[in-house]
Amino acid sequence: MKLTRTLASGAATLMLLASVGCSTWESMDSRQKSAATGAGIGGVAGAVISDGGVLGTVGGAAIGGVIGDQVGKRR
């Protein structure tokens, strides 16, 4: 039950971040794609670590987004 909820919240986070401020994935540059992907992965990881806690999910998404942004900057 918790895993399903965690995966659903991670997928929702990824879809939301991918759609905010951009009409399509193709219109995003490498840095934006990396930030969105990192936020999605971080959100899922944070949810798993915190057993579906909101703060863990949001914190993981924020940290993952920052890391993804920095990785995308170097490409």
N, C-alpha and C. Protein backbone atom coordinates (compact mmCIF):
# COMPACT_ATOMS: atom_id res chain seq x y z
N MET A 1 0.82 -1.19 0.00
CA MET A 1 0.00 0.00 0.00
C MET A 1 0.87 1.26 0.00
N LYS A 2 1.87 1.28 0.89
CA LYS A 2 2.73 2.46 0.97
C LYS A 2 3.56 2.62 -0.31
N LEU A 3 4.01 1.51 -0.88
CA LEU A 3 4.80 1.59 -2.10
C LEU A 3 3.96 2.14 -3.25
N THR A 4 2.73 1.70 -3.36
CA THR A 4 1.84 2.20 -4.41
C THR A 4 1.61 3.70 -4.25
N ARG A 5 1.37 4.12 -3.04
CA ARG A 5 1.16 5.55 -2.77
C ARG A 5 2.43 6.36 -3.07
N THR A 6 3.56 5.80 -2.72
CA THR A 6 4.83 6.47 -2.97
C THR A 6 5.08 6.61 -4.47
N LEU A 7 4.87 5.54 -5.20
CA LEU A 7 5.09 5.59 -6.64
C LEU A 7 4.11 6.55 -7.32
N ALA A 8 2.87 6.57 -6.85
CA ALA A 8 1.88 7.48 -7.41
C ALA A 8 2.25 8.93 -7.14
N SER A 9 2.71 9.22 -5.93
CA SER A 9 3.10 10.60 -5.63
C SER A 9 4.34 11.00 -6.42
N GLY A 10 5.27 10.08 -6.61
CA GLY A 10 6.45 10.39 -7.41
C GLY A 10 6.11 10.64 -8.86
N ALA A 11 5.22 9.83 -9.41
CA ALA A 11 4.81 10.03 -10.80
C ALA A 11 4.07 11.35 -10.96
N ALA A 12 3.22 11.68 -9.99
CA ALA A 12 2.50 12.96 -10.05
C ALA A 12 3.46 14.14 -9.96
N THR A 13 4.47 14.02 -9.10
CA THR A 13 5.46 15.07 -8.97
C THR A 13 6.23 15.27 -10.27
N LEU A 14 6.63 14.18 -10.88
CA LEU A 14 7.38 14.27 -12.13
C LEU A 14 6.53 14.89 -13.23
N MET A 15 5.29 14.47 -13.35
CA MET A 15 4.43 15.04 -14.39
C MET A 15 4.16 16.52 -14.16
N LEU A 16 3.97 16.90 -12.90
CA LEU A 16 3.73 18.30 -12.59
C LEU A 16 4.95 19.15 -12.93
N LEU A 17 6.11 18.69 -12.52
CA LEU A 17 7.32 19.47 -12.78
C LEU A 17 7.65 19.54 -14.27
N ALA A 18 7.35 18.49 -15.00
CA ALA A 18 7.62 18.51 -16.43
C ALA A 18 6.69 19.45 -17.17
N SER A 19 5.49 19.65 -16.63
CA SER A 19 4.52 20.48 -17.35
C SER A 19 4.54 21.94 -16.92
N VAL A 20 5.09 22.24 -15.76
CA VAL A 20 5.10 23.62 -15.28
C VAL A 20 6.07 24.47 -16.09
N GLY A 21 5.57 25.52 -16.67
CA GLY A 21 6.42 26.46 -17.38
C GLY A 21 6.88 26.01 -18.75
N CYS A 22 6.53 24.84 -19.18
CA CYS A 22 6.96 24.34 -20.48
C CYS A 22 5.78 23.66 -21.17
N SER A 23 5.62 23.94 -22.43
CA SER A 23 4.50 23.33 -23.13
C SER A 23 4.79 21.88 -23.49
N THR A 24 6.02 21.57 -23.85
CA THR A 24 6.37 20.21 -24.20
C THR A 24 7.78 19.89 -23.73
N TRP A 25 8.06 18.60 -23.62
CA TRP A 25 9.39 18.15 -23.22
C TRP A 25 10.42 18.56 -24.25
N GLU A 26 10.04 18.56 -25.54
CA GLU A 26 10.99 18.88 -26.60
C GLU A 26 11.44 20.34 -26.56
N SER A 27 10.60 21.22 -25.99
CA SER A 27 10.97 22.63 -25.95
C SER A 27 11.92 22.95 -24.80
N MET A 28 12.17 21.97 -23.95
CA MET A 28 13.06 22.19 -22.80
C MET A 28 14.52 21.97 -23.21
N ASP A 29 15.41 22.76 -22.62
CA ASP A 29 16.82 22.52 -22.88
C ASP A 29 17.34 21.43 -21.94
N SER A 30 18.59 21.08 -22.10
CA SER A 30 19.18 19.97 -21.34
C SER A 30 19.12 20.22 -19.83
N ARG A 31 19.36 21.44 -19.43
CA ARG A 31 19.36 21.77 -18.01
C ARG A 31 17.97 21.63 -17.40
N GLN A 32 16.95 22.08 -18.12
CA GLN A 32 15.58 21.97 -17.63
C GLN A 32 15.13 20.51 -17.55
N LYS A 33 15.50 19.73 -18.55
CA LYS A 33 15.15 18.30 -18.53
C LYS A 33 15.82 17.60 -17.36
N SER A 34 17.08 17.92 -17.12
CA SER A 34 17.81 17.31 -16.01
C SER A 34 17.21 17.70 -14.67
N ALA A 35 16.79 18.96 -14.53
CA ALA A 35 16.19 19.41 -13.28
C ALA A 35 14.85 18.72 -13.04
N ALA A 36 14.03 18.60 -14.08
CA ALA A 36 12.72 17.94 -13.93
C ALA A 36 12.89 16.47 -13.61
N THR A 37 13.82 15.81 -14.28
CA THR A 37 14.07 14.39 -14.01
C THR A 37 14.62 14.20 -12.60
N GLY A 38 15.56 15.04 -12.21
CA GLY A 38 16.12 14.96 -10.86
C GLY A 38 15.07 15.20 -9.79
N ALA A 39 14.17 16.13 -10.03
CA ALA A 39 13.10 16.40 -9.07
C ALA A 39 12.16 15.21 -8.94
N GLY A 40 11.86 14.58 -10.05
CA GLY A 40 10.99 13.40 -10.01
C GLY A 40 11.63 12.25 -9.26
N ILE A 41 12.88 11.99 -9.57
CA ILE A 41 13.60 10.90 -8.89
C ILE A 41 13.79 11.23 -7.41
N GLY A 42 14.12 12.48 -7.13
CA GLY A 42 14.29 12.90 -5.73
C GLY A 42 13.00 12.82 -4.94
N GLY A 43 11.88 13.16 -5.59
CA GLY A 43 10.59 13.07 -4.92
C GLY A 43 10.24 11.64 -4.56
N VAL A 44 10.48 10.74 -5.48
CA VAL A 44 10.21 9.32 -5.21
C VAL A 44 11.13 8.82 -4.10
N ALA A 45 12.41 9.16 -4.18
CA ALA A 45 13.36 8.72 -3.15
C ALA A 45 12.99 9.29 -1.78
N GLY A 46 12.63 10.57 -1.75
CA GLY A 46 12.24 11.18 -0.49
C GLY A 46 10.99 10.55 0.10
N ALA A 47 10.05 10.19 -0.76
CA ALA A 47 8.82 9.54 -0.30
C ALA A 47 9.11 8.15 0.26
N VAL A 48 10.01 7.44 -0.40
CA VAL A 48 10.37 6.10 0.08
C VAL A 48 11.07 6.19 1.43
N ILE A 49 12.00 7.10 1.55
CA ILE A 49 12.76 7.24 2.79
C ILE A 49 11.87 7.68 3.94
N SER A 50 10.91 8.58 3.67
CA SER A 50 10.06 9.10 4.74
C SER A 50 8.73 8.36 4.87
N ASP A 51 8.62 7.20 4.22
CA ASP A 51 7.38 6.41 4.24
C ASP A 51 6.17 7.20 3.76
N GLY A 52 6.35 7.96 2.70
CA GLY A 52 5.24 8.71 2.10
C GLY A 52 4.97 10.05 2.74
N GLY A 53 5.87 10.52 3.56
CA GLY A 53 5.69 11.82 4.22
C GLY A 53 5.78 12.97 3.22
N VAL A 54 4.96 13.97 3.43
CA VAL A 54 4.92 15.10 2.51
C VAL A 54 6.25 15.86 2.52
N LEU A 55 6.77 16.13 3.69
CA LEU A 55 8.04 16.88 3.77
C LEU A 55 9.19 16.12 3.13
N GLY A 56 9.22 14.81 3.31
CA GLY A 56 10.27 14.01 2.69
C GLY A 56 10.15 14.01 1.18
N THR A 57 8.92 13.94 0.68
CA THR A 57 8.70 13.94 -0.77
C THR A 57 9.08 15.29 -1.37
N VAL A 58 8.61 16.36 -0.77
CA VAL A 58 8.91 17.70 -1.29
C VAL A 58 10.39 18.02 -1.14
N GLY A 59 10.97 17.65 0.00
CA GLY A 59 12.40 17.89 0.20
C GLY A 59 13.25 17.11 -0.79
N GLY A 60 12.88 15.86 -1.03
CA GLY A 60 13.60 15.05 -2.02
C GLY A 60 13.48 15.63 -3.42
N ALA A 61 12.29 16.12 -3.75
CA ALA A 61 12.10 16.73 -5.07
C ALA A 61 12.94 18.00 -5.21
N ALA A 62 12.99 18.79 -4.16
CA ALA A 62 13.77 20.03 -4.21
C ALA A 62 15.27 19.73 -4.36
N ILE A 63 15.75 18.80 -3.55
CA ILE A 63 17.17 18.45 -3.62
C ILE A 63 17.51 17.81 -4.96
N GLY A 64 16.64 16.91 -5.43
CA GLY A 64 16.86 16.28 -6.73
C GLY A 64 16.83 17.27 -7.87
N GLY A 65 15.94 18.27 -7.78
CA GLY A 65 15.88 19.30 -8.81
C GLY A 65 17.15 20.13 -8.88
N VAL A 66 17.68 20.47 -7.72
CA VAL A 66 18.93 21.25 -7.68
C VAL A 66 20.09 20.43 -8.25
N ILE A 67 20.18 19.18 -7.85
CA ILE A 67 21.25 18.32 -8.36
C ILE A 67 21.11 18.13 -9.87
N GLY A 68 19.88 17.87 -10.33
CA GLY A 68 19.65 17.72 -11.77
C GLY A 68 19.99 18.98 -12.54
N ASP A 69 19.68 20.14 -11.97
CA ASP A 69 20.01 21.41 -12.61
C ASP A 69 21.52 21.57 -12.77
N GLN A 70 22.26 21.22 -11.75
CA GLN A 70 23.72 21.35 -11.81
C GLN A 70 24.33 20.35 -12.78
N VAL A 71 23.78 19.15 -12.83
CA VAL A 71 24.27 18.15 -13.80
C VAL A 71 23.98 18.61 -15.21
N GLY A 72 22.78 19.14 -15.44
CA GLY A 72 22.40 19.62 -16.77
C GLY A 72 23.21 20.82 -17.22
N LYS A 73 23.71 21.60 -16.29
CA LYS A 73 24.51 22.78 -16.62
C LYS A 73 25.84 22.37 -17.24
N ARG A 74 26.34 21.22 -16.86
CA ARG A 74 27.66 20.77 -17.32
C ARG A 74 27.60 20.08 -18.68
N ARG A 75 26.40 19.81 -19.19
CA ARG A 75 26.29 19.10 -20.47
C ARG A 75 26.41 20.05 -21.62
